Amino acid sequence: MRIIVMSDTHRDFRAIQELIKKHRKADIFIHLGDGLSEFEQIMDLYPEYKYLSARGNCDFGVDTSLAGCFSCGLAKIFYTHGHMYYVKYGLDDVLQAGKQMEANVILFGHTHVPLVRYEDGVYLMNPGSLGMPHGHKPTYGVIDITEKEIVCYINELSYPSHEH
């Protein structure tokens, strides 16, 4: 099972489209907010995929929840944008929220800074930003789940309009 995680696309439709094209065999695409209007366009354009999303602080006029949780093999995944948990000031609140849901994978965005950390039996992942990265190329997260393990990592998205 492969899950592709993105956040903070901020109207960069092309970045999401390039990511979908690159990972056509992914099982689930998750958007962690601040770009749900273009994510909805992608969902209409590629209806064959499974999509999940959480509303960010810049997502106005979308009827999407602020967080979600689901089980997938060994993983129980809690996902949110992160602004409600003050992730720019520390990860304790989002970690506690995920643990209350008994999650062992916690996904959040909002800071535009990629992060993968394993702490206290829980994976924390921020995929960074596809649309407005801070000081680096656009990034996204990948979660591979097998019968024996969960592997979380960050990838850079390179495509012509983002090459330097």
Protein backbone atom coordinates (compact mmCIF):
# COMPACT_ATOMS: atom_id res chain seq x y z
CA MET A 1 0.00 0.00 0.00
CA ARG A 2 1.38 3.41 -0.97
CA ILE A 3 -0.04 6.70 0.28
CA ILE A 4 1.04 10.04 -1.19
CA VAL A 5 0.72 13.02 1.16
CA MET A 6 0.74 16.67 0.08
CA SER A 7 0.02 19.98 1.73
CA ASP A 8 0.04 23.71 1.19
CA THR A 9 -0.30 23.72 -2.59
CA HIS A 10 -1.74 27.27 -2.47
CA ARG A 11 -3.39 27.25 -5.93
CA ASP A 12 -0.55 25.38 -7.66
CA PHE A 13 -2.77 23.05 -9.69
CA ARG A 14 0.12 21.95 -11.90
CA ALA A 15 2.19 20.70 -8.96
CA ILE A 16 -0.64 18.40 -7.85
CA GLN A 17 -1.20 17.21 -11.40
CA GLU A 18 2.51 16.40 -11.80
CA LEU A 19 2.45 14.51 -8.49
CA ILE A 20 -0.58 12.44 -9.54
CA LYS A 21 1.08 11.62 -12.88
CA LYS A 22 4.30 10.59 -11.11
CA HIS A 23 2.49 8.27 -8.68
CA ARG A 24 -0.26 6.73 -10.83
CA LYS A 25 0.02 3.46 -8.88
CA ALA A 26 -0.50 5.05 -5.46
CA ASP A 27 -3.44 3.72 -3.45
CA ILE A 28 -4.47 6.95 -1.70
CA PHE A 29 -3.69 10.65 -2.16
CA ILE A 30 -4.07 12.84 0.94
CA HIS A 31 -4.10 16.65 0.88
CA LEU A 32 -3.52 18.26 4.28
CA GLY A 33 -5.04 21.62 3.43
CA ASP A 34 -4.38 25.07 2.01
CA GLY A 35 -5.14 24.14 -1.57
CA LEU A 36 -8.36 22.16 -1.48
CA SER A 37 -9.97 24.06 -4.36
CA GLU A 38 -7.33 22.79 -6.81
CA PHE A 39 -7.38 19.36 -5.11
CA GLU A 40 -11.12 19.15 -5.84
CA GLN A 41 -10.36 19.93 -9.51
CA ILE A 42 -7.82 17.09 -9.53
CA MET A 43 -10.39 14.74 -7.99
CA ASP A 44 -12.79 15.58 -10.83
CA LEU A 45 -10.05 15.15 -13.45
CA TYR A 46 -8.80 11.81 -12.06
CA PRO A 47 -11.87 10.14 -10.48
CA GLU A 48 -10.24 6.69 -10.49
CA TYR A 49 -8.13 7.43 -7.40
CA LYS A 50 -8.97 7.46 -3.70
CA TYR A 51 -8.62 10.87 -2.05
CA LEU A 52 -8.73 12.18 1.51
CA SER A 53 -8.29 15.75 2.72
CA ALA A 54 -8.37 18.07 5.70
CA ARG A 55 -9.25 21.76 5.57
CA GLY A 56 -6.49 24.28 6.17
CA ASN A 57 -6.59 27.83 7.50
CA CYS A 58 -6.60 29.23 3.93
CA ASP A 59 -9.33 26.93 2.57
CA PHE A 60 -12.43 29.07 2.38
CA GLY A 61 -15.73 27.85 0.98
CA VAL A 62 -14.91 24.15 1.14
CA ASP A 63 -16.95 21.73 3.20
CA THR A 64 -14.15 19.49 4.43
CA SER A 65 -13.41 18.47 8.01
CA LEU A 66 -10.41 19.77 9.94
CA ALA A 67 -9.08 16.27 10.64
CA GLY A 68 -9.64 12.61 9.87
CA CYS A 69 -8.47 9.19 10.93
CA PHE A 70 -8.43 5.81 9.17
CA SER A 71 -6.79 2.41 9.45
CA CYS A 72 -4.67 0.91 6.72
CA GLY A 73 -2.92 -2.37 7.50
CA LEU A 74 -0.46 -1.79 10.35
CA ALA A 75 -1.09 1.94 10.26
CA LYS A 76 -3.75 3.99 11.96
CA ILE A 77 -3.39 7.40 10.36
CA PHE A 78 -4.53 10.70 11.86
CA TYR A 79 -4.38 13.63 9.42
CA THR A 80 -4.95 17.35 9.83
CA HIS A 81 -3.63 20.65 8.53
CA GLY A 82 -2.12 21.49 11.88
CA HIS A 83 -3.13 25.09 12.52
CA MET A 84 -5.70 23.97 15.12
CA TYR A 85 -2.84 22.27 17.00
CA TYR A 86 -0.39 25.20 16.79
CA VAL A 87 2.25 23.13 14.96
CA LYS A 88 4.32 26.24 14.20
CA TYR A 89 5.08 26.41 17.93
CA GLY A 90 5.65 22.73 18.70
CA LEU A 91 4.33 19.25 18.03
CA ASP A 92 3.00 18.29 21.47
CA ASP A 93 -0.65 19.20 20.72
CA VAL A 94 -0.84 17.36 17.40
CA LEU A 95 0.98 14.37 18.92
CA GLN A 96 -1.56 14.24 21.78
CA ALA A 97 -4.49 14.55 19.34
CA GLY A 98 -3.14 11.64 17.29
CA LYS A 99 -2.52 9.52 20.37
CA GLN A 100 -6.10 10.15 21.53
CA MET A 101 -7.18 8.59 18.23
CA GLU A 102 -4.72 5.72 18.88
CA ALA A 103 -2.88 6.66 15.69
CA ASN A 104 0.65 5.47 14.98
CA VAL A 105 1.04 7.82 11.99
CA ILE A 106 0.27 11.52 12.39
CA LEU A 107 0.20 13.74 9.29
CA PHE A 108 0.12 17.54 9.37
CA GLY A 109 1.08 20.50 7.21
CA HIS A 110 0.84 24.28 7.78
CA THR A 111 4.55 25.01 8.43
CA HIS A 112 5.68 24.39 4.80
CA VAL A 113 8.73 22.62 6.28
CA PRO A 114 9.14 18.88 5.60
CA LEU A 115 9.62 16.59 8.58
CA VAL A 116 9.66 12.89 9.33
CA ARG A 117 10.17 11.84 12.93
CA TYR A 118 9.60 8.62 14.83
CA GLU A 119 8.84 9.29 18.45
CA ASP A 120 7.31 7.14 21.16
CA GLY A 121 6.01 4.54 18.69
CA VAL A 122 4.45 7.18 16.44
CA TYR A 123 5.51 8.50 13.03
CA LEU A 124 5.08 12.26 12.62
CA MET A 125 5.15 13.54 9.05
CA ASN A 126 4.85 16.97 7.52
CA PRO A 127 5.17 16.67 3.73
CA GLY A 128 6.28 20.29 3.40
CA SER A 129 4.73 22.37 0.65
CA LEU A 130 4.13 21.66 -3.02
CA GLY A 131 3.08 25.22 -3.84
CA MET A 132 5.07 27.53 -1.57
CA PRO A 133 8.10 25.70 -0.14
CA HIS A 134 10.26 27.57 2.35
CA GLY A 135 13.87 27.55 1.16
CA HIS A 136 13.80 24.28 -0.77
CA LYS A 137 12.16 22.56 -3.70
CA PRO A 138 8.51 21.49 -3.53
CA THR A 139 8.17 18.39 -1.34
CA TYR A 140 5.62 15.70 -0.55
CA GLY A 141 5.41 12.65 1.67
CA VAL A 142 5.27 8.95 0.85
CA ILE A 143 4.02 6.26 3.22
CA ASP A 144 4.64 2.64 2.26
CA ILE A 145 2.79 0.09 4.34
CA THR A 146 3.59 -3.62 4.10
CA GLU A 147 2.51 -6.55 6.25
CA LYS A 148 5.60 -6.02 8.40
CA GLU A 149 6.44 -2.31 8.46
CA ILE A 150 5.54 1.32 7.90
CA VAL A 151 8.06 3.48 6.04
CA CYS A 152 7.61 7.27 5.84
CA TYR A 153 9.82 9.56 3.78
CA ILE A 154 9.93 12.91 1.99
CA ASN A 155 10.49 13.35 -1.76
CA GLU A 156 11.17 16.46 -3.83
CA LEU A 157 8.93 17.14 -6.81
CA SER A 158 10.87 18.33 -9.82
CA TYR A 159 9.13 19.46 -12.98
CA PRO A 160 9.99 22.10 -15.61
CA SER A 161 8.40 25.18 -14.02
CA HIS A 162 10.24 24.50 -10.73
CA GLU A 163 13.70 23.79 -12.14
CA HIS A 164 16.31 26.42 -11.33
